[in-house]
PDB file of all heavy atoms in Angstrom:
ATOM      1  N   PHE A   1       4.641  -3.813  -6.938  1.00  0.00           N
ATOM      2  CA  PHE A   1       3.246  -4.069  -6.664  1.00  0.00           C
ATOM      3  C   PHE A   1       2.997  -4.415  -5.196  1.00  0.00           C
ATOM      4  O   PHE A   1       2.029  -3.985  -4.598  1.00  0.00           O
ATOM      5  CB  PHE A   1       2.696  -5.181  -7.574  1.00  0.00           C
ATOM      6  CG  PHE A   1       1.241  -5.443  -7.360  1.00  0.00           C
ATOM      7  CD1 PHE A   1       0.297  -4.431  -7.606  1.00  0.00           C
ATOM      8  CD2 PHE A   1       0.772  -6.669  -6.879  1.00  0.00           C
ATOM      9  CE1 PHE A   1      -1.064  -4.647  -7.385  1.00  0.00           C
ATOM     10  CE2 PHE A   1      -0.570  -6.899  -6.690  1.00  0.00           C
ATOM     11  CZ  PHE A   1      -1.515  -5.889  -6.940  1.00  0.00           C
ATOM     12  N   GLU A   2       3.922  -5.148  -4.577  1.00  0.00           N
ATOM     13  CA  GLU A   2       3.791  -5.465  -3.170  1.00  0.00           C
ATOM     14  C   GLU A   2       3.780  -4.194  -2.315  1.00  0.00           C
ATOM     15  O   GLU A   2       3.013  -4.101  -1.352  1.00  0.00           O
ATOM     16  CB  GLU A   2       4.921  -6.400  -2.700  1.00  0.00           C
ATOM     17  CG  GLU A   2       4.630  -7.853  -3.101  1.00  0.00           C
ATOM     18  CD  GLU A   2       5.756  -8.792  -2.711  1.00  0.00           C
ATOM     19  OE1 GLU A   2       6.441  -8.566  -1.687  1.00  0.00           O
ATOM     20  OE2 GLU A   2       5.947  -9.767  -3.452  1.00  0.00           O
ATOM     21  N   LYS A   3       4.630  -3.237  -2.692  1.00  0.00           N
ATOM     22  CA  LYS A   3       4.619  -1.938  -2.007  1.00  0.00           C
ATOM     23  C   LYS A   3       3.257  -1.263  -2.129  1.00  0.00           C
ATOM     24  O   LYS A   3       2.730  -0.726  -1.155  1.00  0.00           O
ATOM     25  CB  LYS A   3       5.702  -1.015  -2.596  1.00  0.00           C
ATOM     26  CG  LYS A   3       6.905  -0.870  -1.698  1.00  0.00           C
ATOM     27  CD  LYS A   3       7.864   0.213  -2.250  1.00  0.00           C
ATOM     28  CE  LYS A   3       9.292  -0.209  -1.980  1.00  0.00           C
ATOM     29  NZ  LYS A   3      10.027  -0.579  -3.172  1.00  0.00           N
ATOM     30  N   LYS A   4       2.714  -1.327  -3.326  1.00  0.00           N
ATOM     31  CA  LYS A   4       1.394  -0.729  -3.585  1.00  0.00           C
ATOM     32  C   LYS A   4       0.338  -1.393  -2.690  1.00  0.00           C
ATOM     33  O   LYS A   4      -0.506  -0.756  -2.114  1.00  0.00           O
ATOM     34  CB  LYS A   4       1.009  -0.874  -5.058  1.00  0.00           C
ATOM     35  CG  LYS A   4       1.733   0.074  -5.957  1.00  0.00           C
ATOM     36  CD  LYS A   4       1.243  -0.120  -7.409  1.00  0.00           C
ATOM     37  CE  LYS A   4       1.872   0.829  -8.381  1.00  0.00           C
ATOM     38  NZ  LYS A   4       1.542   2.242  -8.143  1.00  0.00           N
ATOM     39  N   LEU A   5       0.436  -2.736  -2.571  1.00  0.00           N
ATOM     40  CA  LEU A   5      -0.528  -3.461  -1.734  1.00  0.00           C
ATOM     41  C   LEU A   5      -0.377  -3.097  -0.259  1.00  0.00           C
ATOM     42  O   LEU A   5      -1.340  -2.919   0.448  1.00  0.00           O
ATOM     43  CB  LEU A   5      -0.329  -4.976  -1.903  1.00  0.00           C
ATOM     44  CG  LEU A   5      -0.875  -5.622  -3.163  1.00  0.00           C
ATOM     45  CD1 LEU A   5      -0.482  -7.100  -3.195  1.00  0.00           C
ATOM     46  CD2 LEU A   5      -2.371  -5.466  -3.267  1.00  0.00           C
ATOM     47  N   ASN A   6       0.880  -2.966   0.163  1.00  0.00           N
ATOM     48  CA  ASN A   6       1.135  -2.616   1.554  1.00  0.00           C
ATOM     49  C   ASN A   6       0.673  -1.217   1.909  1.00  0.00           C
ATOM     50  O   ASN A   6       0.308  -0.929   3.045  1.00  0.00           O
ATOM     51  CB  ASN A   6       2.626  -2.769   1.900  1.00  0.00           C
ATOM     52  CG  ASN A   6       3.065  -4.228   1.892  1.00  0.00           C
ATOM     53  OD1 ASN A   6       2.263  -5.127   2.090  1.00  0.00           O
ATOM     54  ND2 ASN A   6       4.315  -4.474   1.612  1.00  0.00           N
ATOM     55  N   ASN A   7       0.693  -0.315   0.910  1.00  0.00           N
ATOM     56  CA  ASN A   7       0.285   1.045   1.115  1.00  0.00           C
ATOM     57  C   ASN A   7      -1.200   1.304   0.846  1.00  0.00           C
ATOM     58  O   ASN A   7      -1.693   2.416   0.977  1.00  0.00           O
ATOM     59  CB  ASN A   7       1.108   1.983   0.237  1.00  0.00           C
ATOM     60  CG  ASN A   7       2.573   1.983   0.646  1.00  0.00           C
ATOM     61  OD1 ASN A   7       2.869   1.833   1.824  1.00  0.00           O
ATOM     62  ND2 ASN A   7       3.460   2.131  -0.292  1.00  0.00           N
ATOM     63  N   LEU A   8      -1.912   0.238   0.462  1.00  0.00           N
ATOM     64  CA  LEU A   8      -3.323   0.361   0.154  1.00  0.00           C
ATOM     65  C   LEU A   8      -4.102   0.789   1.398  1.00  0.00           C
ATOM     66  O   LEU A   8      -3.958   0.196   2.471  1.00  0.00           O
ATOM     67  CB  LEU A   8      -3.859  -0.968  -0.363  1.00  0.00           C
ATOM     68  CG  LEU A   8      -5.303  -0.987  -0.858  1.00  0.00           C
ATOM     69  CD1 LEU A   8      -5.481  -0.100  -2.099  1.00  0.00           C
ATOM     70  CD2 LEU A   8      -5.712  -2.420  -1.206  1.00  0.00           C
ATOM     71  N   LYS A   9      -4.907   1.842   1.254  1.00  0.00           N
ATOM     72  CA  LYS A   9      -5.717   2.334   2.369  1.00  0.00           C
ATOM     73  C   LYS A   9      -7.184   1.935   2.087  1.00  0.00           C
ATOM     74  O   LYS A   9      -7.584   1.711   0.967  1.00  0.00           O
ATOM     75  CB  LYS A   9      -5.658   3.859   2.430  1.00  0.00           C
ATOM     76  CG  LYS A   9      -4.241   4.413   2.555  1.00  0.00           C
ATOM     77  CD  LYS A   9      -3.786   4.381   3.992  1.00  0.00           C
ATOM     78  CE  LYS A   9      -2.358   4.800   4.161  1.00  0.00           C
ATOM     79  NZ  LYS A   9      -1.376   3.709   3.955  1.00  0.00           N
ATOM     80  N   ASP A  10      -7.955   1.905   3.209  1.00  0.00           N
ATOM     81  CA  ASP A  10      -9.360   1.564   3.097  1.00  0.00           C
ATOM     82  C   ASP A  10     -10.158   2.798   2.699  1.00  0.00           C
ATOM     83  O   ASP A  10     -11.045   3.242   3.411  1.00  0.00           O
ATOM     84  CB  ASP A  10      -9.842   0.991   4.462  1.00  0.00           C
ATOM     85  CG  ASP A  10     -11.261   0.451   4.335  1.00  0.00           C
ATOM     86  OD1 ASP A  10     -11.743   0.301   3.224  1.00  0.00           O
ATOM     87  OD2 ASP A  10     -11.882   0.222   5.378  1.00  0.00           O
ATOM     88  N   THR A  11      -9.802   3.377   1.577  1.00  0.00           N
ATOM     89  CA  THR A  11     -10.581   4.504   1.042  1.00  0.00           C
ATOM     90  C   THR A  11     -10.941   4.165  -0.399  1.00  0.00           C
ATOM     91  O   THR A  11     -10.203   3.443  -1.078  1.00  0.00           O
ATOM     92  CB  THR A  11      -9.773   5.826   1.040  1.00  0.00           C
ATOM     93  OG1 THR A  11      -8.664   5.674   0.127  1.00  0.00           O
ATOM     94  CG2 THR A  11      -9.272   6.176   2.418  1.00  0.00           C
ATOM     95  N   GLN A  12     -12.050   4.709  -0.848  1.00  0.00           N
ATOM     96  CA  GLN A  12     -12.480   4.442  -2.205  1.00  0.00           C
ATOM     97  C   GLN A  12     -11.407   4.889  -3.206  1.00  0.00           C
ATOM     98  O   GLN A  12     -11.117   4.176  -4.160  1.00  0.00           O
ATOM     99  CB  GLN A  12     -13.779   5.194  -2.453  1.00  0.00           C
ATOM    100  CG  GLN A  12     -14.519   4.754  -3.706  1.00  0.00           C
ATOM    101  CD  GLN A  12     -15.869   5.408  -3.845  1.00  0.00           C
ATOM    102  OE1 GLN A  12     -16.279   6.210  -3.027  1.00  0.00           O
ATOM    103  NE2 GLN A  12     -16.578   5.044  -4.889  1.00  0.00           N
ATOM    104  N   GLU A  13     -10.813   6.020  -2.953  1.00  0.00           N
ATOM    105  CA  GLU A  13      -9.808   6.591  -3.824  1.00  0.00           C
ATOM    106  C   GLU A  13      -8.607   5.645  -3.968  1.00  0.00           C
ATOM    107  O   GLU A  13      -8.126   5.362  -5.049  1.00  0.00           O
ATOM    108  CB  GLU A  13      -9.349   7.941  -3.265  1.00  0.00           C
ATOM    109  CG  GLU A  13      -8.506   8.754  -4.208  1.00  0.00           C
ATOM    110  CD  GLU A  13      -8.050  10.066  -3.558  1.00  0.00           C
ATOM    111  OE1 GLU A  13      -8.424  10.329  -2.382  1.00  0.00           O
ATOM    112  OE2 GLU A  13      -7.366  10.823  -4.250  1.00  0.00           O
ATOM    113  N   SER A  14      -8.090   5.176  -2.820  1.00  0.00           N
ATOM    114  CA  SER A  14      -6.942   4.284  -2.791  1.00  0.00           C
ATOM    115  C   SER A  14      -7.277   2.971  -3.513  1.00  0.00           C
ATOM    116  O   SER A  14      -6.470   2.483  -4.338  1.00  0.00           O
ATOM    117  CB  SER A  14      -6.538   4.011  -1.342  1.00  0.00           C
ATOM    118  OG  SER A  14      -5.408   3.175  -1.296  1.00  0.00           O
ATOM    119  N   ILE A  15      -8.404   2.387  -3.186  1.00  0.00           N
ATOM    120  CA  ILE A  15      -8.794   1.114  -3.785  1.00  0.00           C
ATOM    121  C   ILE A  15      -9.015   1.252  -5.295  1.00  0.00           C
ATOM    122  O   ILE A  15      -8.488   0.444  -6.059  1.00  0.00           O
ATOM    123  CB  ILE A  15     -10.048   0.550  -3.072  1.00  0.00           C
ATOM    124  CG1 ILE A  15      -9.684   0.126  -1.631  1.00  0.00           C
ATOM    125  CG2 ILE A  15     -10.662  -0.641  -3.839  1.00  0.00           C
ATOM    126  CD1 ILE A  15     -10.842  -0.113  -0.704  1.00  0.00           C
ATOM    127  N   GLN A  16      -9.744   2.285  -5.715  1.00  0.00           N
ATOM    128  CA  GLN A  16      -9.991   2.460  -7.147  1.00  0.00           C
ATOM    129  C   GLN A  16      -8.713   2.767  -7.918  1.00  0.00           C
ATOM    130  O   GLN A  16      -8.540   2.335  -9.046  1.00  0.00           O
ATOM    131  CB  GLN A  16     -11.034   3.566  -7.367  1.00  0.00           C
ATOM    132  CG  GLN A  16     -12.448   3.089  -7.052  1.00  0.00           C
ATOM    133  CD  GLN A  16     -13.472   4.162  -7.187  1.00  0.00           C
ATOM    134  OE1 GLN A  16     -13.185   5.346  -7.147  1.00  0.00           O
ATOM    135  NE2 GLN A  16     -14.716   3.741  -7.304  1.00  0.00           N
ATOM    136  N   GLY A  17      -7.806   3.519  -7.273  1.00  0.00           N
ATOM    137  CA  GLY A  17      -6.546   3.835  -7.901  1.00  0.00           C
ATOM    138  C   GLY A  17      -5.728   2.592  -8.195  1.00  0.00           C
ATOM    139  O   GLY A  17      -5.231   2.395  -9.313  1.00  0.00           O
ATOM    140  N   LEU A  18      -5.624   1.714  -7.209  1.00  0.00           N
ATOM    141  CA  LEU A  18      -4.866   0.489  -7.397  1.00  0.00           C
ATOM    142  C   LEU A  18      -5.583  -0.477  -8.339  1.00  0.00           C
ATOM    143  O   LEU A  18      -4.963  -1.177  -9.118  1.00  0.00           O
ATOM    144  CB  LEU A  18      -4.521  -0.160  -6.054  1.00  0.00           C
ATOM    145  CG  LEU A  18      -3.496  -1.320  -6.136  1.00  0.00           C
ATOM    146  CD1 LEU A  18      -2.239  -0.929  -6.904  1.00  0.00           C
ATOM    147  CD2 LEU A  18      -3.116  -1.800  -4.736  1.00  0.00           C
ATOM    148  N   SER A  19      -6.889  -0.485  -8.255  1.00  0.00           N
ATOM    149  CA  SER A  19      -7.702  -1.306  -9.139  1.00  0.00           C
ATOM    150  C   SER A  19      -7.442  -0.936 -10.630  1.00  0.00           C
ATOM    151  O   SER A  19      -7.242  -1.781 -11.482  1.00  0.00           O
ATOM    152  CB  SER A  19      -9.193  -1.171  -8.816  1.00  0.00           C
ATOM    153  OG  SER A  19      -9.970  -1.827  -9.759  1.00  0.00           O
ATOM    154  N   THR A  20      -7.455   0.377 -10.854  1.00  0.00           N
ATOM    155  CA  THR A  20      -7.185   0.900 -12.206  1.00  0.00           C
ATOM    156  C   THR A  20      -5.811   0.468 -12.671  1.00  0.00           C
ATOM    157  O   THR A  20      -5.577   0.030 -13.801  1.00  0.00           O
ATOM    158  CB  THR A  20      -7.318   2.423 -12.217  1.00  0.00           C
ATOM    159  OG1 THR A  20      -8.667   2.751 -11.836  1.00  0.00           O
ATOM    160  CG2 THR A  20      -7.079   2.987 -13.620  1.00  0.00           C
ATOM    161  N   TRP A  21      -4.835   0.570 -11.754  1.00  0.00           N
ATOM    162  CA  TRP A  21      -3.447   0.172 -12.056  1.00  0.00           C
ATOM    163  C   TRP A  21      -3.435  -1.307 -12.434  1.00  0.00           C
ATOM    164  O   TRP A  21      -2.807  -1.690 -13.437  1.00  0.00           O
ATOM    165  CB  TRP A  21      -2.563   0.443 -10.826  1.00  0.00           C
ATOM    166  CG  TRP A  21      -1.095   0.178 -11.091  1.00  0.00           C
ATOM    167  CD1 TRP A  21      -0.178   1.083 -11.546  1.00  0.00           C
ATOM    168  CD2 TRP A  21      -0.420  -1.086 -10.955  1.00  0.00           C
ATOM    169  NE1 TRP A  21       1.030   0.435 -11.695  1.00  0.00           N
ATOM    170  CE2 TRP A  21       0.927  -0.890 -11.337  1.00  0.00           C
ATOM    171  CE3 TRP A  21      -0.825  -2.361 -10.582  1.00  0.00           C
ATOM    172  CZ2 TRP A  21       1.845  -1.898 -11.336  1.00  0.00           C
ATOM    173  CZ3 TRP A  21       0.122  -3.382 -10.563  1.00  0.00           C
ATOM    174  CH2 TRP A  21       1.438  -3.153 -10.951  1.00  0.00           C
ATOM    175  N   CYS A  22      -4.141  -2.145 -11.662  1.00  0.00           N
ATOM    176  CA  CYS A  22      -4.173  -3.578 -11.962  1.00  0.00           C
ATOM    177  C   CYS A  22      -4.762  -3.841 -13.346  1.00  0.00           C
ATOM    178  O   CYS A  22      -4.234  -4.655 -14.106  1.00  0.00           O
ATOM    179  CB  CYS A  22      -5.008  -4.314 -10.919  1.00  0.00           C
ATOM    180  SG  CYS A  22      -4.251  -4.415  -9.293  1.00  0.00           S
ATOM    181  N   LEU A  23      -5.849  -3.143 -13.648  1.00  0.00           N
ATOM    182  CA  LEU A  23      -6.490  -3.354 -14.976  1.00  0.00           C
ATOM    183  C   LEU A  23      -5.609  -2.839 -16.100  1.00  0.00           C
ATOM    184  O   LEU A  23      -5.619  -3.414 -17.195  1.00  0.00           O
ATOM    185  CB  LEU A  23      -7.855  -2.685 -14.985  1.00  0.00           C
ATOM    186  CG  LEU A  23      -8.932  -3.420 -14.137  1.00  0.00           C
ATOM    187  CD1 LEU A  23     -10.123  -2.539 -13.898  1.00  0.00           C
ATOM    188  CD2 LEU A  23      -9.310  -4.727 -14.735  1.00  0.00           C
ATOM    189  N   ASN A  24      -4.855  -1.784 -15.868  1.00  0.00           N
ATOM    190  CA  ASN A  24      -3.892  -1.305 -16.865  1.00  0.00           C
ATOM    191  C   ASN A  24      -2.690  -2.245 -17.048  1.00  0.00           C
ATOM    192  O   ASN A  24      -2.006  -2.128 -18.037  1.00  0.00           O
ATOM    193  CB  ASN A  24      -3.390   0.113 -16.483  1.00  0.00           C
ATOM    194  CG  ASN A  24      -4.483   1.171 -16.641  1.00  0.00           C
ATOM    195  OD1 ASN A  24      -5.449   0.962 -17.372  1.00  0.00           O
ATOM    196  ND2 ASN A  24      -4.330   2.259 -15.961  1.00  0.00           N
ATOM    197  N   HIS A  25      -2.506  -3.096 -16.090  1.00  0.00           N
ATOM    198  CA  HIS A  25      -1.414  -4.093 -16.171  1.00  0.00           C
ATOM    199  C   HIS A  25      -1.976  -5.519 -16.250  1.00  0.00           C
ATOM    200  O   HIS A  25      -1.405  -6.430 -15.718  1.00  0.00           O
ATOM    201  CB  HIS A  25      -0.495  -3.937 -14.954  1.00  0.00           C
ATOM    202  CG  HIS A  25       0.266  -2.672 -14.917  1.00  0.00           C
ATOM    203  ND1 HIS A  25      -0.278  -1.506 -14.459  1.00  0.00           N
ATOM    204  CD2 HIS A  25       1.522  -2.357 -15.302  1.00  0.00           C
ATOM    205  CE1 HIS A  25       0.574  -0.526 -14.565  1.00  0.00           C
ATOM    206  NE2 HIS A  25       1.716  -1.013 -15.074  1.00  0.00           N
ATOM    207  N   LYS A  26      -3.109  -5.635 -16.938  1.00  0.00           N
ATOM    208  CA  LYS A  26      -3.794  -6.937 -16.948  1.00  0.00           C
ATOM    209  C   LYS A  26      -3.005  -8.052 -17.592  1.00  0.00           C
ATOM    210  O   LYS A  26      -3.251  -9.205 -17.329  1.00  0.00           O
ATOM    211  CB  LYS A  26      -5.181  -6.838 -17.517  1.00  0.00           C
ATOM    212  CG  LYS A  26      -5.279  -6.408 -18.988  1.00  0.00           C
ATOM    213  CD  LYS A  26      -6.764  -6.373 -19.378  1.00  0.00           C
ATOM    214  CE  LYS A  26      -6.938  -5.862 -20.781  1.00  0.00           C
ATOM    215  NZ  LYS A  26      -7.086  -4.413 -20.826  1.00  0.00           N
ATOM    216  N   SER A  27      -1.983  -7.721 -18.352  1.00  0.00           N
ATOM    217  CA  SER A  27      -1.113  -8.790 -18.936  1.00  0.00           C
ATOM    218  C   SER A  27      -0.347  -9.469 -17.790  1.00  0.00           C
ATOM    219  O   SER A  27       0.097 -10.607 -17.941  1.00  0.00           O
ATOM    220  CB  SER A  27      -0.151  -8.192 -19.947  1.00  0.00           C
ATOM    221  OG  SER A  27       0.648  -7.198 -19.368  1.00  0.00           O
ATOM    222  N   ASP A  28      -0.166  -8.780 -16.677  1.00  0.00           N
ATOM    223  CA  ASP A  28       0.520  -9.345 -15.482  1.00  0.00           C
ATOM    224  C   ASP A  28      -0.463  -9.868 -14.445  1.00  0.00           C
ATOM    225  O   ASP A  28      -0.077 -10.072 -13.310  1.00  0.00           O
ATOM    226  CB  ASP A  28       1.394  -8.289 -14.838  1.00  0.00           C
ATOM    227  CG  ASP A  28       2.507  -7.813 -15.720  1.00  0.00           C
ATOM    228  OD1 ASP A  28       3.063  -8.624 -16.495  1.00  0.00           O
ATOM    229  OD2 ASP A  28       2.847  -6.594 -15.642  1.00  0.00           O
ATOM    230  N   LEU A  29      -1.703 -10.058 -14.855  1.00  0.00           N
ATOM    231  CA  LEU A  29      -2.743 -10.351 -13.851  1.00  0.00           C
ATOM    232  C   LEU A  29      -2.431 -11.559 -12.983  1.00  0.00           C
ATOM    233  O   LEU A  29      -2.637 -11.535 -11.780  1.00  0.00           O
ATOM    234  CB  LEU A  29      -4.121 -10.522 -14.531  1.00  0.00           C
ATOM    235  CG  LEU A  29      -5.240 -10.590 -13.490  1.00  0.00           C
ATOM    236  CD1 LEU A  29      -5.457  -9.231 -12.819  1.00  0.00           C
ATOM    237  CD2 LEU A  29      -6.547 -11.114 -14.065  1.00  0.00           C
ATOM    238  N   ASN A  30      -1.915 -12.638 -13.574  1.00  0.00           N
ATOM    239  CA  ASN A  30      -1.627 -13.819 -12.772  1.00  0.00           C
ATOM    240  C   ASN A  30      -0.582 -13.494 -11.691  1.00  0.00           C
ATOM    241  O   ASN A  30      -0.733 -13.971 -10.548  1.00  0.00           O
ATOM    242  CB  ASN A  30      -1.154 -14.982 -13.639  1.00  0.00           C
ATOM    243  CG  ASN A  30      -2.291 -15.605 -14.430  1.00  0.00           C
ATOM    244  OD1 ASN A  30      -3.450 -15.543 -13.997  1.00  0.00           O
ATOM    245  ND2 ASN A  30      -2.009 -16.114 -15.596  1.00  0.00           N
ATOM    246  N   HIS A  31       0.360 -12.684 -12.060  1.00  0.00           N
ATOM    247  CA  HIS A  31       1.361 -12.235 -11.090  1.00  0.00           C
ATOM    248  C   HIS A  31       0.740 -11.349 -10.004  1.00  0.00           C
ATOM    249  O   HIS A  31       1.014 -11.486  -8.847  1.00  0.00           O
ATOM    250  CB  HIS A  31       2.476 -11.540 -11.857  1.00  0.00           C
ATOM    251  CG  HIS A  31       3.567 -11.102 -10.954  1.00  0.00           C
ATOM    252  ND1 HIS A  31       4.406 -12.001 -10.331  1.00  0.00           N
ATOM    253  CD2 HIS A  31       3.966  -9.899 -10.539  1.00  0.00           C
ATOM    254  CE1 HIS A  31       5.282 -11.347  -9.583  1.00  0.00           C
ATOM    255  NE2 HIS A  31       5.036 -10.072  -9.684  1.00  0.00           N
ATOM    256  N   ILE A  32      -0.122 -10.433 -10.442  1.00  0.00           N
ATOM    257  CA  ILE A  32      -0.808  -9.549  -9.533  1.00  0.00           C
ATOM    258  C   ILE A  32      -1.638 -10.359  -8.519  1.00  0.00           C
ATOM    259  O   ILE A  32      -1.604 -10.092  -7.337  1.00  0.00           O
ATOM    260  CB  ILE A  32      -1.708  -8.557 -10.344  1.00  0.00           C
ATOM    261  CG1 ILE A  32      -0.790  -7.505 -11.022  1.00  0.00           C
ATOM    262  CG2 ILE A  32      -2.744  -7.901  -9.451  1.00  0.00           C
ATOM    263  CD1 ILE A  32      -1.532  -6.645 -12.049  1.00  0.00           C
ATOM    264  N   ILE A  33      -2.350 -11.348  -9.024  1.00  0.00           N
ATOM    265  CA  ILE A  33      -3.186 -12.181  -8.180  1.00  0.00           C
ATOM    266  C   ILE A  33      -2.336 -12.943  -7.154  1.00  0.00           C
ATOM    267  O   ILE A  33      -2.683 -13.048  -5.985  1.00  0.00           O
ATOM    268  CB  ILE A  33      -4.084 -13.144  -9.001  1.00  0.00           C
ATOM    269  CG1 ILE A  33      -5.134 -12.335  -9.784  1.00  0.00           C
ATOM    270  CG2 ILE A  33      -4.763 -14.171  -8.117  1.00  0.00           C
ATOM    271  CD1 ILE A  33      -5.910 -13.139 -10.823  1.00  0.00           C
ATOM    272  N   LYS A  34      -1.206 -13.456  -7.579  1.00  0.00           N
ATOM    273  CA  LYS A  34      -0.305 -14.193  -6.696  1.00  0.00           C
ATOM    274  C   LYS A  34       0.167 -13.288  -5.561  1.00  0.00           C
ATOM    275  O   LYS A  34       0.203 -13.674  -4.392  1.00  0.00           O
ATOM    276  CB  LYS A  34       0.928 -14.705  -7.464  1.00  0.00           C
ATOM    277  CG  LYS A  34       0.822 -16.138  -7.846  1.00  0.00           C
ATOM    278  CD  LYS A  34       2.159 -16.691  -8.340  1.00  0.00           C
ATOM    279  CE  LYS A  34       1.951 -17.797  -9.318  1.00  0.00           C
ATOM    280  NZ  LYS A  34       2.256 -17.494 -10.710  1.00  0.00           N
TER     281      LYS A  34
END
């Protein structure tokens, strides 16, 4: 996930893609938020 954060671009596509990933892994949300 840290790699994903580091590779995050300031584009709608990049942000929405990672956002969808986060929501699909919502059981790990506390870890994601950390």
